[in-house]
């Protein structure tokens, strides 16, 4: 812009006056036009252009314009007298030349000037103007008032375009021509301009702005075409109808808007919105009978079963103190620390005593029984998390496990902060290493994260906790309906909710999992999942302590480095159970060639936590095909279905329990889009193959209800939302009574409107049906449900389809 401004100033300094401009020789004018063309095409620099132009104009510029007199030669008067006037032979010979030659001819220049002068008489608004020092008030009579100084940047049409459109003109010209000129101005808003002044035959001076060759092409073409048309008309030359039609076509093209007006993007098609989608009369409809609620086997009575989870910890911590409870691994796969049940008991006691008695504000205890406490622990430190979790249970505090915040303004962290604020959390427990990695304020303390309440951070490492006196013992009570812990859940809209789980529900869920999975004391279980929530928490932290099991915790960071690590630990520790996701099985397939001396024969149960996803079957089948030769039995693979609200809904039982063989269902995708179950053949491409997720959990009552409206029971061949009534489900969304009533207190009814039970049901958000042998099948989730033109599709189906095709043939990068 600075270069362009200086160019404009120099151009103005060397601008010939109107009197001199009309007496310039034709050769000089041609050379000036060629110079401007070379400048626009980049053949010469701006400095070179100014130097050559100055030499050309020096003999003809009066001294009052600031040109050095030494640059003016003595014979400038002779040159002026030798200038060819419009009526000379030179111009007449030029008029007969080709169209390209006329671009630089004085006949063309005069024709343009005469045409513009003619429209000037009609009070046509000019796009922009430049006033010379010698132009007197006669120009002001027929040009709009000037708002710019002659010393400003006259090479920028952008500002001139704004002045031209913002200056009110008096009088009314032809609207179509005015519109056309405005379009030309806007199209050439980025070009630089050079001034040329002409005299109308009537004696009035008219000032115009000629665009250079690098202006917008459509504006130049339109200006040239219109000038040619006017020149031929004024000189009496007959206009070719073919040419005039092309010019008219060009003008029509310029009149057409480049893009629709902005308001058209926001106009709804009301007719389409009001057009109600009529159901297809040929669409499949459910034909089966109304389903009957499905009841799981009774919850067995276990002799000497602990009355609560803290009671189970006390029992194993005092009677089996050296029994291994949890082994943590580093990122290299080596055991870092093995927590025994004796250590877990004593360290949890120390933390409970410290939280209740050593944290105070103004001589008052900071925490009281029932208060909520945030647990902020990284995914590679299960030992400290387990101590903090059971320390809170012993202190009768409510742990709220959350993820470690990464930045101060993390969007997901803000939702977690909203949950902590609604739960009234004032204290966060963490480790020393984790606290050092958190963002800090200028004072050195942990920064207050956006959307979070103000928290006191407490490090649970050994040097910060106090050993309780010998006469202090934590209160060990029977399981009650008080809140034991709060597990967070993120909805598809991004909001975070806290699901409350009572002590009785936690105990009942551990009891049901123990019975369904056949857990026994001192079994070894490999856990690849997140130990802070869902199946990783239920199996690897809660049920394992209830049964004095040894958990090998595989951190996610290790899985990224070595996807075979969990299989190696199964082989090393002769683990009986492994809890994984289908992604872990898929990753291990990619790296299995690196290890040949491993065996999975010790596994009696391979729990697939996301077995409800339609794509999990491909991972399970591929994993079995590869590792069956290494001791893996087909009946060992046990997919399960669960949700944060209902916890475990169904799980395939291990083979020793005498359960029916696993089942597969090949379903028509067209039928599923209408929520109807139609069995098809695998030869077709429009089918979805799903595997069962086993039988209903012990002590649970399950039914399938319509997705929308009143929760009517579905028919036997109809897909709906699975609902579950059990003592082992979540209780409520913390602080959200309205949503709690909709999800945790659903009353399914028969087709006649009669409730099927006096017990409330919990919606699981799982879409499925009950198949043969009372096996539960899941085909999607409510969060992924998409309704398109009255047909239901699921986001999981898209993933399943992408995984089912040959990726090298059908799936391309970047598409």
Foldseek 3Di string as FASTA:
>chain_A
DVVLWVLQLLLQLLPADQVLLQLAALVLLLVLQVLLQCPLVVVDDSVVSSVVNCLSRQQRHDPVSPDDVVSHDPCSVVNSVPHDHCVDPVLVVQVPDDPVSLVSGVLLVVLLVQVVVVQLVQLQQALAFADHPPQDCLQVVRYFDDDDDNSGRQFALLVSNVVSVPGDGDHDHDVLVNVLNNLLSVQQRGFTWHKDWDAHVVGGIDIHTDTGPNGRPLSVVLSSLVSVVSSCVVVVHDDDPVSVVVSVVSSVVSVDDPDDDPVVVVDDPVVVVPDDQDDDPPADDDDFFFDDWDAFAAQDDDPPQQLFQLSLLVVCLVPVVAQWQEWAADLVLHTDDTHGSVNLNQLLCQLLCCQQPVDDDPPHRPDDQAAEEEEEEAQRCVPVVLSPLSSCLLNNYAYEYDYQDQDQADLLVLLVQQQCVLSVYAEYEYAPVSLVNADADPVRHHDHHPNHDHHDYDHSDPVRTDRDDPPDDGDDDGWDQRFSYWYWDAFLVGHIFTFTFGRQLLSVLLSLCCVQAVDAAAAEEEEADRCRDAPNVSPRRRNCSSHNYYYYYDGPSSCVVPLCSSQVVCQVVLHAEYEEALVSLVSCVVVVVVDDPTANQSYQAYEHAVLQQLQSVVSLVVSCVVRVVRRDDNQRYKYFDAAQFFRTFFIAGGPVVPADGWDKFWFAQSQVQLQFGDGDDPVDPRIGIGIFNHAGTHQKIKFFAAADDAGEGDGQGGKGWIKMFGSNGTQATRPCVVVRCVFFFHFYAYPVRHTSDPTGIGTGQFIWHQDPSRTTHTHAGNSQWDADSNTIDGPSVVVNSCVPDDCVVPPDPPD
